[in-house]
Structures are given as C-alpha cells and as structure tokens.
C-alpha cells in the first residue's frame, strides 16, 4: 500500500538506510568539539551527512560537538559552519573513522559491511 502511494521514493529510501552504530557514537563523544575545541561542556554528536525531514544522517558521518556548536550548525547550515570554524567535515569524518578502525578493527569492518548492505 505505502509503496503504491510513494512509489520510487519508498524504494530509494529502503535501499539507502543510514547506518546506526551506538558504539561509534560513544567513541566520537570522547573527543573535543570540532567547532570550539572545548572539553568542558558535554559533547553531542553532530550528524553532518545528508538527511531529510525526520531522517537522520548515517552515524558514520557524525562528529563531536558541544551543544552550542551543534545548535549553531543547525542555525547557520553546514557550509557556513565549516567556513567559520575553518574545518572540512569530510576530512574530519575520514580522520575519526580511521581512528575508530585502529582502535576497534573488527567493529569497523562490521559497520562498513552494514553500510554497503544498506
């Protein structure tokens, strides 16, 4: 029924489900905020990948950020946030995934397989 109503959009979403990885998010929260480098405030996880209404980006595209920087990201958008803080999300994502791969090699392989299967 739903497939008939939404057609192609339903099929595409089913093929591209984002990866959910609570262990990876706990790992990310250990690091200082990528915006202001604070370790004093509680760190949120900032999902920086593509997303839509009521859809969160993949956990593999998450970066550590304090609550203030997380709210700033939502307010001004990813491009302005990156320009203001002189950072590049894609480079940071690769760096954190590399650190995770070194620290938890087996779990990283599971995440990558899960992402390819989705």
PDB file of N, CA and C in Angstrom:
ATOM      1  N   UNK A   1       0.819  -1.196   0.000  1.00  0.00           N
ATOM      2  CA  UNK A   1       0.000   0.000   0.000  1.00  0.00           C
ATOM      3  C   UNK A   1       0.865   1.264   0.000  1.00  0.00           C
ATOM      4  N   UNK A   2       1.795   1.338   0.957  1.00  0.00           N
ATOM      5  CA  UNK A   2       2.658   2.514   1.035  1.00  0.00           C
ATOM      6  C   UNK A   2       3.490   2.642  -0.233  1.00  0.00           C
ATOM      7  N   UNK A   3       3.984   1.513  -0.720  1.00  0.00           N
ATOM      8  CA  UNK A   3       4.811   1.540  -1.925  1.00  0.00           C
ATOM      9  C   UNK A   3       4.039   2.114  -3.109  1.00  0.00           C
ATOM     10  N   UNK A   4       2.765   1.797  -3.214  1.00  0.00           N
ATOM     11  CA  UNK A   4       1.960   2.337  -4.303  1.00  0.00           C
ATOM     12  C   UNK A   4       1.786   3.851  -4.153  1.00  0.00           C
ATOM     13  N   UNK A   5       1.627   4.305  -2.912  1.00  0.00           N
ATOM     14  CA  UNK A   5       1.424   5.739  -2.678  1.00  0.00           C
ATOM     15  C   UNK A   5       2.673   6.551  -2.964  1.00  0.00           C
ATOM     16  N   UNK A   6       3.815   6.051  -2.543  1.00  0.00           N
ATOM     17  CA  UNK A   6       5.042   6.836  -2.650  1.00  0.00           C
ATOM     18  C   UNK A   6       5.980   6.343  -3.741  1.00  0.00           C
ATOM     19  N   UNK A   7       5.729   5.188  -4.305  1.00  0.00           N
ATOM     20  CA  UNK A   7       6.465   4.680  -5.453  1.00  0.00           C
ATOM     21  C   UNK A   7       7.968   4.663  -5.289  1.00  0.00           C
ATOM     22  N   UNK A   8       8.650   5.365  -6.169  1.00  0.00           N
ATOM     23  CA  UNK A   8      10.106   5.349  -6.238  1.00  0.00           C
ATOM     24  C   UNK A   8      10.759   5.859  -4.954  1.00  0.00           C
ATOM     25  N   UNK A   9      10.205   6.880  -4.339  1.00  0.00           N
ATOM     26  CA  UNK A   9      10.791   7.423  -3.107  1.00  0.00           C
ATOM     27  C   UNK A   9      10.875   6.351  -2.029  1.00  0.00           C
ATOM     28  N   UNK A  10       9.858   5.529  -1.915  1.00  0.00           N
ATOM     29  CA  UNK A  10       9.854   4.452  -0.930  1.00  0.00           C
ATOM     30  C   UNK A  10      10.962   3.453  -1.230  1.00  0.00           C
ATOM     31  N   UNK A  11      11.124   3.078  -2.504  1.00  0.00           N
ATOM     32  CA  UNK A  11      12.154   2.121  -2.887  1.00  0.00           C
ATOM     33  C   UNK A  11      13.548   2.674  -2.639  1.00  0.00           C
ATOM     34  N   UNK A  12      13.786   3.933  -2.972  1.00  0.00           N
ATOM     35  CA  UNK A  12      15.095   4.541  -2.779  1.00  0.00           C
ATOM     36  C   UNK A  12      15.435   4.601  -1.300  1.00  0.00           C
ATOM     37  N   UNK A  13      14.491   5.012  -0.464  1.00  0.00           N
ATOM     38  CA  UNK A  13      14.771   5.080   0.970  1.00  0.00           C
ATOM     39  C   UNK A  13      15.122   3.708   1.518  1.00  0.00           C
ATOM     40  N   UNK A  14      14.409   2.704   1.100  1.00  0.00           N
ATOM     41  CA  UNK A  14      14.678   1.343   1.587  1.00  0.00           C
ATOM     42  C   UNK A  14      16.077   0.900   1.218  1.00  0.00           C
ATOM     43  N   UNK A  15      16.606   1.361   0.087  1.00  0.00           N
ATOM     44  CA  UNK A  15      17.933   0.960  -0.358  1.00  0.00           C
ATOM     45  C   UNK A  15      19.046   1.733   0.338  1.00  0.00           C
ATOM     46  N   UNK A  16      18.742   2.893   0.864  1.00  0.00           N
ATOM     47  CA  UNK A  16      19.795   3.749   1.413  1.00  0.00           C
ATOM     48  C   UNK A  16      19.592   4.040   2.892  1.00  0.00           C
ATOM     49  N   UNK A  17      19.210   3.053   3.643  1.00  0.00           N
ATOM     50  CA  UNK A  17      19.027   3.285   5.075  1.00  0.00           C
ATOM     51  C   UNK A  17      20.354   3.657   5.722  1.00  0.00           C
ATOM     52  N   UNK A  18      20.340   4.661   6.580  1.00  0.00           N
ATOM     53  CA  UNK A  18      21.578   5.066   7.240  1.00  0.00           C
ATOM     54  C   UNK A  18      22.039   4.043   8.278  1.00  0.00           C
ATOM     55  N   UNK A  19      23.338   3.969   8.466  1.00  0.00           N
ATOM     56  CA  UNK A  19      23.922   3.047   9.441  1.00  0.00           C
ATOM     57  C   UNK A  19      23.686   3.589  10.843  1.00  0.00           C
ATOM     58  N   UNK A  20      23.287   2.744  11.756  1.00  0.00           N
ATOM     59  CA  UNK A  20      23.131   3.094  13.165  1.00  0.00           C
ATOM     60  C   UNK A  20      24.196   2.348  13.955  1.00  0.00           C
ATOM     61  N   UNK A  21      25.022   3.083  14.678  1.00  0.00           N
ATOM     62  CA  UNK A  21      26.157   2.487  15.383  1.00  0.00           C
ATOM     63  C   UNK A  21      26.372   3.183  16.728  1.00  0.00           C
ATOM     64  N   UNK A  22      25.649   2.769  17.770  1.00  0.00           N
ATOM     65  CA  UNK A  22      25.780   3.414  19.085  1.00  0.00           C
ATOM     66  C   UNK A  22      27.214   3.386  19.624  1.00  0.00           C
ATOM     67  N   UNK A  23      27.936   2.311  19.366  1.00  0.00           N
ATOM     68  CA  UNK A  23      29.317   2.215  19.855  1.00  0.00           C
ATOM     69  C   UNK A  23      30.197   3.280  19.201  1.00  0.00           C
ATOM     70  N   UNK A  24      29.997   3.519  17.912  1.00  0.00           N
ATOM     71  CA  UNK A  24      30.758   4.545  17.208  1.00  0.00           C
ATOM     72  C   UNK A  24      30.429   5.932  17.764  1.00  0.00           C
ATOM     73  N   UNK A  25      29.167   6.175  18.078  1.00  0.00           N
ATOM     74  CA  UNK A  25      28.773   7.476  18.625  1.00  0.00           C
ATOM     75  C   UNK A  25      29.391   7.708  20.005  1.00  0.00           C
ATOM     76  N   UNK A  26      29.460   6.656  20.832  1.00  0.00           N
ATOM     77  CA  UNK A  26      30.134   6.789  22.135  1.00  0.00           C
ATOM     78  C   UNK A  26      31.612   7.126  21.936  1.00  0.00           C
ATOM     79  N   UNK A  27      32.231   6.501  20.953  1.00  0.00           N
ATOM     80  CA  UNK A  27      33.628   6.768  20.629  1.00  0.00           C
ATOM     81  C   UNK A  27      33.810   8.234  20.219  1.00  0.00           C
ATOM     82  N   UNK A  28      32.930   8.738  19.374  1.00  0.00           N
ATOM     83  CA  UNK A  28      33.010  10.120  18.885  1.00  0.00           C
ATOM     84  C   UNK A  28      32.871  11.126  20.021  1.00  0.00           C
ATOM     85  N   UNK A  29      31.995  10.854  20.980  1.00  0.00           N
ATOM     86  CA  UNK A  29      31.746  11.797  22.085  1.00  0.00           C
ATOM     87  C   UNK A  29      32.964  11.991  22.989  1.00  0.00           C
ATOM     88  N   UNK A  30      33.961  11.127  22.890  1.00  0.00           N
ATOM     89  CA  UNK A  30      35.157  11.258  23.734  1.00  0.00           C
ATOM     90  C   UNK A  30      36.027  12.450  23.340  1.00  0.00           C
ATOM     91  N   UNK A  31      35.880  12.924  22.114  1.00  0.00           N
ATOM     92  CA  UNK A  31      36.789  13.923  21.572  1.00  0.00           C
ATOM     93  C   UNK A  31      36.277  15.341  21.812  1.00  0.00           C
ATOM     94  N   UNK A  32      37.179  16.318  21.774  1.00  0.00           N
ATOM     95  CA  UNK A  32      36.757  17.721  21.907  1.00  0.00           C
ATOM     96  C   UNK A  32      35.857  18.145  20.753  1.00  0.00           C
ATOM     97  N   UNK A  33      35.103  19.171  20.976  1.00  0.00           N
ATOM     98  CA  UNK A  33      34.210  19.736  19.971  1.00  0.00           C
ATOM     99  C   UNK A  33      35.027  20.164  18.744  1.00  0.00           C
ATOM    100  N   UNK A  34      34.550  19.831  17.542  1.00  0.00           N
ATOM    101  CA  UNK A  34      35.276  20.211  16.333  1.00  0.00           C
ATOM    102  C   UNK A  34      35.125  21.697  16.023  1.00  0.00           C
ATOM    103  N   UNK A  35      34.124  22.349  16.599  1.00  0.00           N
ATOM    104  CA  UNK A  35      33.918  23.773  16.347  1.00  0.00           C
ATOM    105  C   UNK A  35      34.754  24.662  17.242  1.00  0.00           C
ATOM    106  N   UNK A  36      34.685  24.436  18.562  1.00  0.00           N
ATOM    107  CA  UNK A  36      35.362  25.334  19.500  1.00  0.00           C
ATOM    108  C   UNK A  36      36.441  24.637  20.330  1.00  0.00           C
ATOM    109  N   UNK A  37      36.616  23.341  20.133  1.00  0.00           N
ATOM    110  CA  UNK A  37      37.658  22.537  20.800  1.00  0.00           C
ATOM    111  C   UNK A  37      37.473  22.429  22.315  1.00  0.00           C
ATOM    112  N   UNK A  38      36.290  22.705  22.814  1.00  0.00           N
ATOM    113  CA  UNK A  38      36.080  22.603  24.257  1.00  0.00           C
ATOM    114  C   UNK A  38      35.931  21.145  24.689  1.00  0.00           C
ATOM    115  N   UNK A  39      36.398  20.895  25.884  1.00  0.00           N
ATOM    116  CA  UNK A  39      36.159  19.593  26.507  1.00  0.00           C
ATOM    117  C   UNK A  39      35.362  19.791  27.790  1.00  0.00           C
ATOM    118  N   UNK A  40      35.072  21.031  28.127  1.00  0.00           N
ATOM    119  CA  UNK A  40      34.380  21.332  29.385  1.00  0.00           C
ATOM    120  C   UNK A  40      32.886  21.074  29.308  1.00  0.00           C
ATOM    121  N   UNK A  41      32.297  21.380  28.169  1.00  0.00           N
ATOM    122  CA  UNK A  41      30.858  21.154  28.021  1.00  0.00           C
ATOM    123  C   UNK A  41      30.616  19.739  27.510  1.00  0.00           C
ATOM    124  N   UNK A  42      29.431  19.233  27.810  1.00  0.00           N
ATOM    125  CA  UNK A  42      29.050  17.914  27.315  1.00  0.00           C
ATOM    126  C   UNK A  42      29.049  17.929  25.790  1.00  0.00           C
ATOM    127  N   UNK A  43      29.590  16.876  25.189  1.00  0.00           N
ATOM    128  CA  UNK A  43      29.624  16.792  23.749  1.00  0.00           C
ATOM    129  C   UNK A  43      28.405  16.045  23.219  1.00  0.00           C
ATOM    130  N   UNK A  44      27.822  16.635  22.207  1.00  0.00           N
ATOM    131  CA  UNK A  44      26.751  15.991  21.447  1.00  0.00           C
ATOM    132  C   UNK A  44      27.407  15.301  20.261  1.00  0.00           C
ATOM    133  N   UNK A  45      26.607  14.628  19.511  1.00  0.00           N
ATOM    134  CA  UNK A  45      27.068  14.085  18.243  1.00  0.00           C
ATOM    135  C   UNK A  45      26.381  14.891  17.153  1.00  0.00           C
ATOM    136  N   UNK A  46      27.174  15.480  16.281  1.00  0.00           N
ATOM    137  CA  UNK A  46      26.619  16.275  15.187  1.00  0.00           C
ATOM    138  C   UNK A  46      26.596  15.407  13.935  1.00  0.00           C
ATOM    139  N   UNK A  47      25.409  15.084  13.450  1.00  0.00           N
ATOM    140  CA  UNK A  47      25.283  14.317  12.206  1.00  0.00           C
ATOM    141  C   UNK A  47      25.430  15.293  11.042  1.00  0.00           C
ATOM    142  N   UNK A  48      26.438  15.061  10.220  1.00  0.00           N
ATOM    143  CA  UNK A  48      26.767  16.023   9.173  1.00  0.00           C
ATOM    144  C   UNK A  48      26.447  15.541   7.770  1.00  0.00           C
ATOM    145  N   UNK A  49      26.026  14.303   7.618  1.00  0.00           N
ATOM    146  CA  UNK A  49      25.740  13.766   6.286  1.00  0.00           C
ATOM    147  C   UNK A  49      24.389  14.205   5.775  1.00  0.00           C
ATOM    148  N   UNK A  50      24.052  13.711   4.602  1.00  0.00           N
ATOM    149  CA  UNK A  50      22.770  14.083   4.012  1.00  0.00           C
ATOM    150  C   UNK A  50      21.626  13.507   4.848  1.00  0.00           C
ATOM    151  N   UNK A  51      20.573  14.276   4.947  1.00  0.00           N
ATOM    152  CA  UNK A  51      19.418  13.875   5.737  1.00  0.00           C
ATOM    153  C   UNK A  51      18.198  14.616   5.198  1.00  0.00           C
ATOM    154  N   UNK A  52      17.054  14.195   5.654  1.00  0.00           N
ATOM    155  CA  UNK A  52      15.823  14.837   5.213  1.00  0.00           C
ATOM    156  C   UNK A  52      14.900  15.015   6.394  1.00  0.00           C
ATOM    157  N   UNK A  53      13.691  15.424   6.123  1.00  0.00           N
ATOM    158  CA  UNK A  53      12.731  15.646   7.182  1.00  0.00           C
ATOM    159  C   UNK A  53      12.496  14.335   7.941  1.00  0.00           C
ATOM    160  N   UNK A  54      12.720  14.369   9.225  1.00  0.00           N
ATOM    161  CA  UNK A  54      12.558  13.219  10.113  1.00  0.00           C
ATOM    162  C   UNK A  54      13.529  12.081   9.818  1.00  0.00           C
ATOM    163  N   UNK A  55      14.567  12.342   9.063  1.00  0.00           N
ATOM    164  CA  UNK A  55      15.580  11.331   8.755  1.00  0.00           C
ATOM    165  C   UNK A  55      16.945  11.848   9.197  1.00  0.00           C
ATOM    166  N   UNK A  56      17.617  11.059  10.008  1.00  0.00           N
ATOM    167  CA  UNK A  56      18.936  11.440  10.487  1.00  0.00           C
ATOM    168  C   UNK A  56      19.987  10.840   9.562  1.00  0.00           C
ATOM    169  N   UNK A  57      21.100  11.528   9.396  1.00  0.00           N
ATOM    170  CA  UNK A  57      22.191  11.021   8.574  1.00  0.00           C
ATOM    171  C   UNK A  57      22.809   9.790   9.225  1.00  0.00           C
ATOM    172  N   UNK A  58      23.608   9.085   8.471  1.00  0.00           N
ATOM    173  CA  UNK A  58      24.295   7.903   8.974  1.00  0.00           C
ATOM    174  C   UNK A  58      25.170   8.259  10.169  1.00  0.00           C
ATOM    175  N   UNK A  59      25.260   7.360  11.123  1.00  0.00           N
ATOM    176  CA  UNK A  59      26.122   7.587  12.286  1.00  0.00           C
ATOM    177  C   UNK A  59      27.587   7.669  11.897  1.00  0.00           C
ATOM    178  N   UNK A  60      27.950   7.121  10.753  1.00  0.00           N
ATOM    179  CA  UNK A  60      29.346   7.183  10.310  1.00  0.00           C
ATOM    180  C   UNK A  60      29.741   8.577   9.857  1.00  0.00           C
ATOM    181  N   UNK A  61      28.778   9.467   9.686  1.00  0.00           N
ATOM    182  CA  UNK A  61      29.059  10.856   9.313  1.00  0.00           C
ATOM    183  C   UNK A  61      28.967  11.798  10.505  1.00  0.00           C
ATOM    184  N   UNK A  62      29.072  11.261  11.706  1.00  0.00           N
ATOM    185  CA  UNK A  62      28.936  12.069  12.918  1.00  0.00           C
ATOM    186  C   UNK A  62      30.279  12.653  13.357  1.00  0.00           C
ATOM    187  N   UNK A  63      30.204  13.825  13.956  1.00  0.00           N
ATOM    188  CA  UNK A  63      31.383  14.491  14.521  1.00  0.00           C
ATOM    189  C   UNK A  63      31.052  14.960  15.934  1.00  0.00           C
ATOM    190  N   UNK A  64      32.082  15.078  16.792  1.00  0.00           N
ATOM    191  CA  UNK A  64      31.821  15.561  18.145  1.00  0.00           C
ATOM    192  C   UNK A  64      31.614  17.074  18.155  1.00  0.00           C
ATOM    193  N   UNK A  65      30.653  17.525  18.927  1.00  0.00           N
ATOM    194  CA  UNK A  65      30.399  18.952  19.041  1.00  0.00           C
ATOM    195  C   UNK A  65      29.700  19.262  20.347  1.00  0.00           C
ATOM    196  N   UNK A  66      30.023  20.396  20.948  1.00  0.00           N
ATOM    197  CA  UNK A  66      29.321  20.796  22.168  1.00  0.00           C
ATOM    198  C   UNK A  66      27.908  21.227  21.783  1.00  0.00           C
ATOM    199  N   UNK A  67      27.054  21.368  22.754  1.00  0.00           N
ATOM    200  CA  UNK A  67      25.658  21.729  22.483  1.00  0.00           C
ATOM    201  C   UNK A  67      25.566  23.058  21.735  1.00  0.00           C
ATOM    202  N   UNK A  68      26.388  24.037  22.114  1.00  0.00           N
ATOM    203  CA  UNK A  68      26.322  25.345  21.454  1.00  0.00           C
ATOM    204  C   UNK A  68      26.702  25.259  19.979  1.00  0.00           C
ATOM    205  N   UNK A  69      27.768  24.530  19.678  1.00  0.00           N
ATOM    206  CA  UNK A  69      28.185  24.393  18.280  1.00  0.00           C
ATOM    207  C   UNK A  69      27.183  23.558  17.489  1.00  0.00           C
ATOM    208  N   UNK A  70      26.591  22.563  18.120  1.00  0.00           N
ATOM    209  CA  UNK A  70      25.574  21.744  17.454  1.00  0.00           C
ATOM    210  C   UNK A  70      24.388  22.624  17.055  1.00  0.00           C
ATOM    211  N   UNK A  71      23.955  23.476  17.963  1.00  0.00           N
ATOM    212  CA  UNK A  71      22.841  24.373  17.647  1.00  0.00           C
ATOM    213  C   UNK A  71      23.233  25.374  16.564  1.00  0.00           C
ATOM    214  N   UNK A  72      24.487  25.849  16.622  1.00  0.00           N
ATOM    215  CA  UNK A  72      24.974  26.769  15.594  1.00  0.00           C
ATOM    216  C   UNK A  72      24.961  26.101  14.218  1.00  0.00           C
ATOM    217  N   UNK A  73      25.359  24.839  14.170  1.00  0.00           N
ATOM    218  CA  UNK A  73      25.350  24.098  12.910  1.00  0.00           C
ATOM    219  C   UNK A  73      23.941  24.066  12.326  1.00  0.00           C
ATOM    220  N   UNK A  74      22.943  23.807  13.162  1.00  0.00           N
ATOM    221  CA  UNK A  74      21.560  23.773  12.684  1.00  0.00           C
ATOM    222  C   UNK A  74      21.079  25.167  12.262  1.00  0.00           C
ATOM    223  N   UNK A  75      21.519  26.181  12.981  1.00  0.00           N
ATOM    224  CA  UNK A  75      21.091  27.553  12.673  1.00  0.00           C
ATOM    225  C   UNK A  75      21.659  28.059  11.352  1.00  0.00           C
ATOM    226  N   UNK A  76      22.967  27.901  11.165  1.00  0.00           N
ATOM    227  CA  UNK A  76      23.607  28.543  10.007  1.00  0.00           C
ATOM    228  C   UNK A  76      23.835  27.596   8.831  1.00  0.00           C
ATOM    229  N   UNK A  77      23.753  26.304   9.051  1.00  0.00           N
ATOM    230  CA  UNK A  77      23.961  25.348   7.963  1.00  0.00           C
ATOM    231  C   UNK A  77      25.401  24.867   7.909  1.00  0.00           C
ATOM    232  N   UNK A  78      25.616  23.723   7.264  1.00  0.00           N
ATOM    233  CA  UNK A  78      26.939  23.106   7.271  1.00  0.00           C
ATOM    234  C   UNK A  78      28.031  23.930   6.589  1.00  0.00           C
ATOM    235  N   UNK A  79      27.727  24.554   5.457  1.00  0.00           N
ATOM    236  CA  UNK A  79      28.779  25.282   4.735  1.00  0.00           C
ATOM    237  C   UNK A  79      29.278  26.492   5.524  1.00  0.00           C
ATOM    238  N   UNK A  80      28.368  27.286   6.059  1.00  0.00           N
ATOM    239  CA  UNK A  80      28.776  28.455   6.847  1.00  0.00           C
ATOM    240  C   UNK A  80      29.505  28.029   8.116  1.00  0.00           C
ATOM    241  N   UNK A  81      29.055  26.931   8.738  1.00  0.00           N
ATOM    242  CA  UNK A  81      29.709  26.420   9.952  1.00  0.00           C
ATOM    243  C   UNK A  81      31.148  26.025   9.641  1.00  0.00           C
ATOM    244  N   UNK A  82      31.345  25.315   8.540  1.00  0.00           N
ATOM    245  CA  UNK A  82      32.701  24.897   8.156  1.00  0.00           C
ATOM    246  C   UNK A  82      33.582  26.100   7.842  1.00  0.00           C
ATOM    247  N   UNK A  83      33.045  27.072   7.139  1.00  0.00           N
ATOM    248  CA  UNK A  83      33.816  28.273   6.798  1.00  0.00           C
ATOM    249  C   UNK A  83      34.205  29.053   8.053  1.00  0.00           C
ATOM    250  N   UNK A  84      33.252  29.217   8.962  1.00  0.00           N
ATOM    251  CA  UNK A  84      33.514  29.986  10.178  1.00  0.00           C
ATOM    252  C   UNK A  84      34.596  29.343  11.035  1.00  0.00           C
ATOM    253  N   UNK A  85      34.540  28.025  11.162  1.00  0.00           N
ATOM    254  CA  UNK A  85      35.476  27.325  12.046  1.00  0.00           C
ATOM    255  C   UNK A  85      36.701  26.780  11.310  1.00  0.00           C
ATOM    256  N   UNK A  86      36.761  27.061   9.992  1.00  0.00           N
ATOM    257  CA  UNK A  86      37.890  26.634   9.163  1.00  0.00           C
ATOM    258  C   UNK A  86      38.145  25.131   9.278  1.00  0.00           C
ATOM    259  N   UNK A  87      37.076  24.372   9.071  1.00  0.00           N
ATOM    260  CA  UNK A  87      37.164  22.919   9.111  1.00  0.00           C
ATOM    261  C   UNK A  87      36.504  22.353   7.861  1.00  0.00           C
ATOM    262  N   UNK A  88      36.794  21.105   7.575  1.00  0.00           N
ATOM    263  CA  UNK A  88      36.179  20.393   6.456  1.00  0.00           C
ATOM    264  C   UNK A  88      35.594  19.102   6.999  1.00  0.00           C
ATOM    265  N   UNK A  89      34.269  18.984   6.963  1.00  0.00           N
ATOM    266  CA  UNK A  89      33.591  17.819   7.538  1.00  0.00           C
ATOM    267  C   UNK A  89      34.118  16.509   6.965  1.00  0.00           C
ATOM    268  N   UNK A  90      34.272  16.434   5.650  1.00  0.00           N
ATOM    269  CA  UNK A  90      34.676  15.165   5.033  1.00  0.00           C
ATOM    270  C   UNK A  90      36.049  14.710   5.533  1.00  0.00           C
ATOM    271  N   UNK A  91      36.978  15.635   5.700  1.00  0.00           N
ATOM    272  CA  UNK A  91      38.309  15.280   6.206  1.00  0.00           C
ATOM    273  C   UNK A  91      38.234  14.799   7.656  1.00  0.00           C
ATOM    274  N   UNK A  92      37.432  15.483   8.467  1.00  0.00           N
ATOM    275  CA  UNK A  92      37.292  15.085   9.866  1.00  0.00           C
ATOM    276  C   UNK A  92      36.604  13.729   9.997  1.00  0.00           C
ATOM    277  N   UNK A  93      35.601  13.488   9.171  1.00  0.00           N
ATOM    278  CA  UNK A  93      34.908  12.198   9.202  1.00  0.00           C
ATOM    279  C   UNK A  93      35.878  11.079   8.877  1.00  0.00           C
ATOM    280  N   UNK A  94      36.702  11.275   7.847  1.00  0.00           N
ATOM    281  CA  UNK A  94      37.700  10.263   7.491  1.00  0.00           C
ATOM    282  C   UNK A  94      38.695  10.046   8.628  1.00  0.00           C
ATOM    283  N   UNK A  95      39.110  11.127   9.278  1.00  0.00           N
ATOM    284  CA  UNK A  95      40.052  11.008  10.377  1.00  0.00           C
ATOM    285  C   UNK A  95      39.458  10.203  11.535  1.00  0.00           C
ATOM    286  N   UNK A  96      38.221  10.518  11.931  1.00  0.00           N
ATOM    287  CA  UNK A  96      37.591   9.798  13.046  1.00  0.00           C
ATOM    288  C   UNK A  96      37.322   8.339  12.688  1.00  0.00           C
ATOM    289  N   UNK A  97      36.928   8.086  11.457  1.00  0.00           N
ATOM    290  CA  UNK A  97      36.733   6.696  11.052  1.00  0.00           C
ATOM    291  C   UNK A  97      38.057   5.939  11.052  1.00  0.00           C
ATOM    292  N   UNK A  98      39.133   6.613  10.671  1.00  0.00           N
ATOM    293  CA  UNK A  98      40.458   5.990  10.716  1.00  0.00           C
ATOM    294  C   UNK A  98      40.882   5.665  12.139  1.00  0.00           C
ATOM    295  N   UNK A  99      40.644   6.581  13.057  1.00  0.00           N
ATOM    296  CA  UNK A  99      40.962   6.329  14.466  1.00  0.00           C
ATOM    297  C   UNK A  99      40.142   5.163  15.000  1.00  0.00           C
ATOM    298  N   UNK A 100      38.876   5.117  14.629  1.00  0.00           N
ATOM    299  CA  UNK A 100      37.995   4.032  15.076  1.00  0.00           C
ATOM    300  C   UNK A 100      38.468   2.695  14.506  1.00  0.00           C
ATOM    301  N   UNK A 101      38.900   2.717  13.248  1.00  0.00           N
ATOM    302  CA  UNK A 101      39.386   1.495  12.600  1.00  0.00           C
ATOM    303  C   UNK A 101      40.601   0.942  13.330  1.00  0.00           C
ATOM    304  N   UNK A 102      41.478   1.828  13.782  1.00  0.00           N
ATOM    305  CA  UNK A 102      42.679   1.395  14.508  1.00  0.00           C
ATOM    306  C   UNK A 102      42.307   0.849  15.881  1.00  0.00           C
ATOM    307  N   UNK A 103      41.420   1.544  16.574  1.00  0.00           N
ATOM    308  CA  UNK A 103      41.054   1.146  17.934  1.00  0.00           C
ATOM    309  C   UNK A 103      40.149  -0.090  17.981  1.00  0.00           C
ATOM    310  N   UNK A 104      39.213  -0.182  17.039  1.00  0.00           N
ATOM    311  CA  UNK A 104      38.249  -1.290  17.025  1.00  0.00           C
ATOM    312  C   UNK A 104      38.161  -1.878  15.615  1.00  0.00           C
ATOM    313  N   UNK A 105      39.189  -2.596  15.161  1.00  0.00           N
ATOM    314  CA  UNK A 105      39.205  -3.058  13.764  1.00  0.00           C
ATOM    315  C   UNK A 105      38.025  -3.958  13.399  1.00  0.00           C
ATOM    316  N   UNK A 106      37.643  -4.876  14.254  1.00  0.00           N
ATOM    317  CA  UNK A 106      36.535  -5.780  13.944  1.00  0.00           C
ATOM    318  C   UNK A 106      35.211  -5.051  13.830  1.00  0.00           C
ATOM    319  N   UNK A 107      34.977  -4.129  14.747  1.00  0.00           N
ATOM    320  CA  UNK A 107      33.709  -3.379  14.727  1.00  0.00           C
ATOM    321  C   UNK A 107      33.623  -2.465  13.516  1.00  0.00           C
ATOM    322  N   UNK A 108      34.751  -1.886  13.132  1.00  0.00           N
ATOM    323  CA  UNK A 108      34.735  -1.003  11.967  1.00  0.00           C
ATOM    324  C   UNK A 108      34.358  -1.794  10.721  1.00  0.00           C
ATOM    325  N   UNK A 109      34.895  -2.986  10.571  1.00  0.00           N
ATOM    326  CA  UNK A 109      34.564  -3.807   9.405  1.00  0.00           C
ATOM    327  C   UNK A 109      33.075  -4.131   9.373  1.00  0.00           C
ATOM    328  N   UNK A 110      32.487  -4.403  10.544  1.00  0.00           N
ATOM    329  CA  UNK A 110      31.041  -4.670  10.613  1.00  0.00           C
ATOM    330  C   UNK A 110      30.237  -3.452  10.141  1.00  0.00           C
ATOM    331  N   UNK A 111      30.678  -2.248  10.555  1.00  0.00           N
ATOM    332  CA  UNK A 111      29.970  -1.031  10.166  1.00  0.00           C
ATOM    333  C   UNK A 111      30.038  -0.829   8.652  1.00  0.00           C
ATOM    334  N   UNK A 112      31.213  -1.035   8.096  1.00  0.00           N
ATOM    335  CA  UNK A 112      31.385  -0.821   6.660  1.00  0.00           C
ATOM    336  C   UNK A 112      30.539  -1.819   5.882  1.00  0.00           C
ATOM    337  N   UNK A 113      30.506  -3.083   6.338  1.00  0.00           N
ATOM    338  CA  UNK A 113      29.679  -4.089   5.671  1.00  0.00           C
ATOM    339  C   UNK A 113      28.202  -3.713   5.788  1.00  0.00           C
ATOM    340  N   UNK A 114      27.800  -3.194   6.948  1.00  0.00           N
ATOM    341  CA  UNK A 114      26.414  -2.773   7.158  1.00  0.00           C
ATOM    342  C   UNK A 114      26.040  -1.622   6.244  1.00  0.00           C
ATOM    343  N   UNK A 115      26.983  -0.720   6.015  1.00  0.00           N
ATOM    344  CA  UNK A 115      26.720   0.422   5.152  1.00  0.00           C
ATOM    345  C   UNK A 115      26.594  -0.034   3.696  1.00  0.00           C
ATOM    346  N   UNK A 116      27.445  -0.985   3.289  1.00  0.00           N
ATOM    347  CA  UNK A 116      27.388  -1.466   1.909  1.00  0.00           C
ATOM    348  C   UNK A 116      26.116  -2.269   1.668  1.00  0.00           C
ATOM    349  N   UNK A 117      25.651  -2.988   2.688  1.00  0.00           N
ATOM    350  CA  UNK A 117      24.447  -3.815   2.536  1.00  0.00           C
ATOM    351  C   UNK A 117      23.179  -2.967   2.507  1.00  0.00           C
ATOM    352  N   UNK A 118      23.234  -1.782   3.141  1.00  0.00           N
ATOM    353  CA  UNK A 118      22.038  -0.939   3.241  1.00  0.00           C
ATOM    354  C   UNK A 118      21.615  -0.371   1.908  1.00  0.00           C
TER     355      UNK A 118
END
